């Protein structure tokens, strides 16, 4: 258990915020135009999947934030 604060957590939180912003802009700019004309119920599964995919690469990053490895 950690007894002292570490620099990895605030830097990691900032990098996660940057990642979410970059991912959101990429989805809105390059992917959304392909299916924005579709009915809402057809778009729903796409946005659900895209809303979950962004977190998958963060597993190892979150482990690094906590452990340093």
N, C-alpha and C. Protein backbone atom coordinates (compact mmCIF):
# COMPACT_ATOMS: atom_id res chain seq x y z
N UNK A 1 0.84 -1.17 0.00
CA UNK A 1 0.00 0.00 0.00
C UNK A 1 0.89 1.25 0.00
N UNK A 2 0.49 2.23 -0.79
CA UNK A 2 1.25 3.47 -0.91
C UNK A 2 1.07 4.33 0.33
N UNK A 3 2.17 4.92 0.78
CA UNK A 3 2.08 5.86 1.90
C UNK A 3 2.36 7.29 1.45
N UNK A 4 2.97 7.44 0.28
CA UNK A 4 3.26 8.77 -0.25
C UNK A 4 2.60 8.94 -1.61
N UNK A 5 2.22 10.18 -1.93
CA UNK A 5 1.63 10.40 -3.26
C UNK A 5 2.68 10.18 -4.36
N UNK A 6 2.21 9.86 -5.52
CA UNK A 6 3.10 9.64 -6.65
C UNK A 6 2.71 10.56 -7.80
N UNK A 7 3.65 10.94 -8.61
CA UNK A 7 3.40 11.84 -9.74
C UNK A 7 2.62 11.15 -10.84
N UNK A 8 2.63 9.81 -10.86
CA UNK A 8 1.98 9.08 -11.96
C UNK A 8 0.46 9.27 -11.97
N UNK A 9 -0.16 9.44 -10.83
CA UNK A 9 -1.62 9.53 -10.81
C UNK A 9 -2.12 10.84 -11.41
N UNK A 10 -1.64 12.03 -11.00
CA UNK A 10 -2.16 13.24 -11.65
C UNK A 10 -1.79 13.32 -13.13
N UNK A 11 -0.59 12.89 -13.49
CA UNK A 11 -0.19 12.89 -14.90
C UNK A 11 -1.06 11.89 -15.67
N UNK A 12 -1.32 10.75 -15.08
CA UNK A 12 -2.16 9.75 -15.72
C UNK A 12 -3.58 10.24 -15.94
N UNK A 13 -4.14 10.94 -14.96
CA UNK A 13 -5.49 11.49 -15.11
C UNK A 13 -5.52 12.51 -16.25
N UNK A 14 -4.51 13.35 -16.32
CA UNK A 14 -4.45 14.32 -17.42
C UNK A 14 -4.33 13.62 -18.78
N UNK A 15 -3.53 12.59 -18.85
CA UNK A 15 -3.37 11.85 -20.11
C UNK A 15 -4.65 11.12 -20.50
N UNK A 16 -5.38 10.61 -19.51
CA UNK A 16 -6.66 9.98 -19.81
C UNK A 16 -7.64 11.00 -20.36
N UNK A 17 -7.65 12.20 -19.78
CA UNK A 17 -8.53 13.26 -20.30
C UNK A 17 -8.16 13.63 -21.74
N UNK A 18 -6.87 13.69 -22.02
CA UNK A 18 -6.42 13.97 -23.39
C UNK A 18 -6.85 12.83 -24.32
N UNK A 19 -6.68 11.60 -23.87
CA UNK A 19 -7.07 10.44 -24.68
C UNK A 19 -8.57 10.48 -25.00
N UNK A 20 -9.40 10.78 -24.01
CA UNK A 20 -10.85 10.83 -24.23
C UNK A 20 -11.19 11.93 -25.24
N UNK A 21 -10.54 13.08 -25.12
CA UNK A 21 -10.80 14.18 -26.05
C UNK A 21 -10.38 13.81 -27.47
N UNK A 22 -9.21 13.23 -27.62
CA UNK A 22 -8.72 12.84 -28.95
C UNK A 22 -9.63 11.76 -29.55
N UNK A 23 -10.01 10.79 -28.75
CA UNK A 23 -10.89 9.72 -29.22
C UNK A 23 -12.25 10.29 -29.62
N UNK A 24 -12.79 11.16 -28.80
CA UNK A 24 -14.10 11.76 -29.10
C UNK A 24 -14.08 12.56 -30.39
N UNK A 25 -13.03 13.35 -30.57
CA UNK A 25 -12.91 14.14 -31.80
C UNK A 25 -12.74 13.22 -33.01
N UNK A 26 -11.95 12.17 -32.86
CA UNK A 26 -11.75 11.23 -33.98
C UNK A 26 -13.06 10.55 -34.36
N UNK A 27 -13.83 10.13 -33.38
CA UNK A 27 -15.11 9.48 -33.67
C UNK A 27 -16.06 10.49 -34.32
N UNK A 28 -16.13 11.69 -33.77
CA UNK A 28 -17.06 12.69 -34.30
C UNK A 28 -16.66 13.15 -35.70
N UNK A 29 -15.37 13.25 -35.95
CA UNK A 29 -14.92 13.79 -37.24
C UNK A 29 -14.88 12.74 -38.35
N UNK A 30 -14.37 11.54 -38.05
CA UNK A 30 -14.14 10.57 -39.11
C UNK A 30 -15.14 9.42 -39.15
N UNK A 31 -15.67 9.01 -38.04
CA UNK A 31 -16.58 7.86 -38.06
C UNK A 31 -18.05 8.27 -38.12
N UNK A 32 -18.44 9.28 -37.38
CA UNK A 32 -19.85 9.66 -37.31
C UNK A 32 -20.46 10.03 -38.66
N UNK A 33 -19.75 10.71 -39.56
CA UNK A 33 -20.37 11.05 -40.85
C UNK A 33 -20.85 9.83 -41.64
N UNK A 34 -20.29 8.67 -41.41
CA UNK A 34 -20.71 7.47 -42.13
C UNK A 34 -22.10 7.01 -41.76
N UNK A 35 -22.53 7.27 -40.52
CA UNK A 35 -23.82 6.73 -40.09
C UNK A 35 -24.75 7.75 -39.44
N UNK A 36 -24.49 9.03 -39.57
CA UNK A 36 -25.37 10.03 -38.96
C UNK A 36 -26.73 10.11 -39.64
N UNK A 37 -26.84 9.68 -40.88
CA UNK A 37 -28.12 9.72 -41.57
C UNK A 37 -29.00 8.51 -41.26
N UNK A 38 -28.46 7.55 -40.55
CA UNK A 38 -29.20 6.34 -40.22
C UNK A 38 -30.25 6.64 -39.15
N UNK A 39 -31.26 5.78 -39.01
CA UNK A 39 -32.22 5.94 -37.91
C UNK A 39 -31.51 5.80 -36.55
N UNK A 40 -32.09 6.43 -35.56
CA UNK A 40 -31.47 6.47 -34.23
C UNK A 40 -31.23 5.08 -33.67
N UNK A 41 -32.18 4.19 -33.83
CA UNK A 41 -32.02 2.83 -33.28
C UNK A 41 -30.94 2.04 -34.01
N UNK A 42 -30.63 2.39 -35.24
CA UNK A 42 -29.53 1.75 -35.95
C UNK A 42 -28.19 2.32 -35.49
N UNK A 43 -28.17 3.58 -35.09
CA UNK A 43 -26.95 4.21 -34.59
C UNK A 43 -26.61 3.76 -33.17
N UNK A 44 -27.63 3.42 -32.40
CA UNK A 44 -27.43 3.10 -30.99
C UNK A 44 -26.37 2.04 -30.74
N UNK A 45 -26.41 0.87 -31.40
CA UNK A 45 -25.37 -0.13 -31.12
C UNK A 45 -23.97 0.35 -31.49
N UNK A 46 -23.87 1.16 -32.53
CA UNK A 46 -22.55 1.67 -32.93
C UNK A 46 -21.98 2.57 -31.84
N UNK A 47 -22.81 3.48 -31.34
CA UNK A 47 -22.33 4.38 -30.29
C UNK A 47 -22.08 3.65 -28.98
N UNK A 48 -22.83 2.60 -28.70
CA UNK A 48 -22.57 1.80 -27.49
C UNK A 48 -21.21 1.13 -27.60
N UNK A 49 -20.94 0.53 -28.75
CA UNK A 49 -19.64 -0.13 -28.96
C UNK A 49 -18.51 0.90 -28.90
N UNK A 50 -18.67 2.02 -29.58
CA UNK A 50 -17.63 3.06 -29.55
C UNK A 50 -17.46 3.64 -28.15
N UNK A 51 -18.53 3.65 -27.38
CA UNK A 51 -18.46 4.15 -26.01
C UNK A 51 -17.73 3.22 -25.07
N UNK A 52 -17.63 1.95 -25.43
CA UNK A 52 -16.91 0.98 -24.60
C UNK A 52 -15.47 0.79 -25.07
N UNK A 53 -15.26 0.88 -26.39
CA UNK A 53 -13.93 0.62 -26.95
C UNK A 53 -12.86 1.55 -26.40
N UNK A 54 -13.21 2.80 -26.10
CA UNK A 54 -12.18 3.76 -25.68
C UNK A 54 -11.47 3.32 -24.41
N UNK A 55 -12.12 2.54 -23.58
CA UNK A 55 -11.51 2.19 -22.30
C UNK A 55 -10.61 0.96 -22.39
N UNK A 56 -10.74 0.16 -23.43
CA UNK A 56 -9.95 -1.07 -23.54
C UNK A 56 -8.44 -0.84 -23.49
N UNK A 57 -7.89 0.15 -24.19
CA UNK A 57 -6.43 0.34 -24.12
C UNK A 57 -5.95 0.89 -22.78
N UNK A 58 -6.87 1.28 -21.91
CA UNK A 58 -6.46 1.92 -20.66
C UNK A 58 -6.12 0.93 -19.54
N UNK A 59 -6.39 -0.35 -19.72
CA UNK A 59 -6.13 -1.32 -18.66
C UNK A 59 -4.66 -1.31 -18.22
N UNK A 60 -3.78 -1.40 -19.17
CA UNK A 60 -2.34 -1.41 -18.83
C UNK A 60 -1.89 -0.05 -18.31
N UNK A 61 -2.48 1.00 -18.85
CA UNK A 61 -2.12 2.35 -18.42
C UNK A 61 -2.54 2.57 -16.97
N UNK A 62 -3.73 2.12 -16.60
CA UNK A 62 -4.18 2.27 -15.22
C UNK A 62 -3.32 1.45 -14.27
N UNK A 63 -2.88 0.28 -14.70
CA UNK A 63 -1.98 -0.52 -13.88
C UNK A 63 -0.66 0.22 -13.68
N UNK A 64 -0.15 0.86 -14.73
CA UNK A 64 1.08 1.64 -14.60
C UNK A 64 0.89 2.79 -13.61
N UNK A 65 -0.26 3.44 -13.68
CA UNK A 65 -0.53 4.56 -12.76
C UNK A 65 -0.47 4.11 -11.31
N UNK A 66 -0.99 2.93 -11.03
CA UNK A 66 -1.04 2.45 -9.66
C UNK A 66 0.26 1.81 -9.18
N UNK A 67 0.93 1.09 -10.05
CA UNK A 67 2.09 0.31 -9.61
C UNK A 67 3.43 0.83 -10.12
N UNK A 68 3.42 1.57 -11.22
CA UNK A 68 4.68 2.01 -11.81
C UNK A 68 5.27 1.00 -12.76
N UNK A 69 4.58 -0.10 -13.01
CA UNK A 69 5.06 -1.14 -13.94
C UNK A 69 4.19 -1.18 -15.17
